[in-house]
Every structure is written in structure tokens, then in C-alpha cells.
């Protein structure tokens, strides 16, 4: 029996006059990374334990004082047990979030814990992750 829980990721930045954008979200499934579409149940070769992507705000920005004026927010439905029954990358990643061409790869543990396992891209964005458990809220600082 599945146990999908609403899981929220909030993205902030403290860098002055900066704008970042959430470009896409992918899951790792039987054929590698597959991009998710908004508000859809699992499709095709996606990881069967991650579904219903809802990007509430794609923009992460600050004003000239460095005060965060817009936070990026996305929600997913995640069942950590199902996530771990599907193939994942060699470093354990099953979820990828791309911001300004830079990828944050996340390992979702069967227990519901999460951790960042890799970031790739041109390194114009760095990530500081403060993960909650599946079913809760995680904060990611982009700089």
C-alpha cells in the first residue's frame, strides 16, 4: 500500500540583486533521469514513488538590500519506500531540481530522511540544504 506524503521544498537566497529560477524537476527511474510534468500522477519511466509536482513559485530573488523578496516553492507527493524500490543513481539520488542550469540531486531514504548527494552544472549556483523529512518542509539556500 502506498503512503504518499506532501513534501515542500522552499528556496531562498540572500545574495543582493539576484534572481534564480526553478527550471525543471526530474526523477531517476528505470531509464535514467525523466522530467516531471506539473500536477500529474506518475508517468512512464519516472520514479514511481514521486508524483504530483506543483511549482508554486519558480522565482527566487532578492532586492538591493539582500532581503529575500520572492521565495521559490514546490510541492511533491513522495512515498519514500516506493522511491527506494526503483533504481537510483550510483550516489543514491532519485530527485533532481534544476535552478539556473545547476542541478541539486537529492537522495530520499526509505526512512523518509533526505540529503544532498551531488550538484552539477556550471557552478553559478551553490546550494546549502536544510532537509526535513518526507511529509515536511525542506529549505535550500541558493547563492
Foldseek 3Di string as FASTA:
>chain_A
DFDWAKEKEKEEEQDEFDKKFFDFKWFQFPVGTDTADAQAQDDDGAQNFKDHKDWPGGMYGHYRNSDTPDMTMIIITGGLQSNVVGDDDPQQFGMWIDMPQKIFTKHQHNVFWIDTRDMDGPPPKDWDKATDGRNYYIYIYID
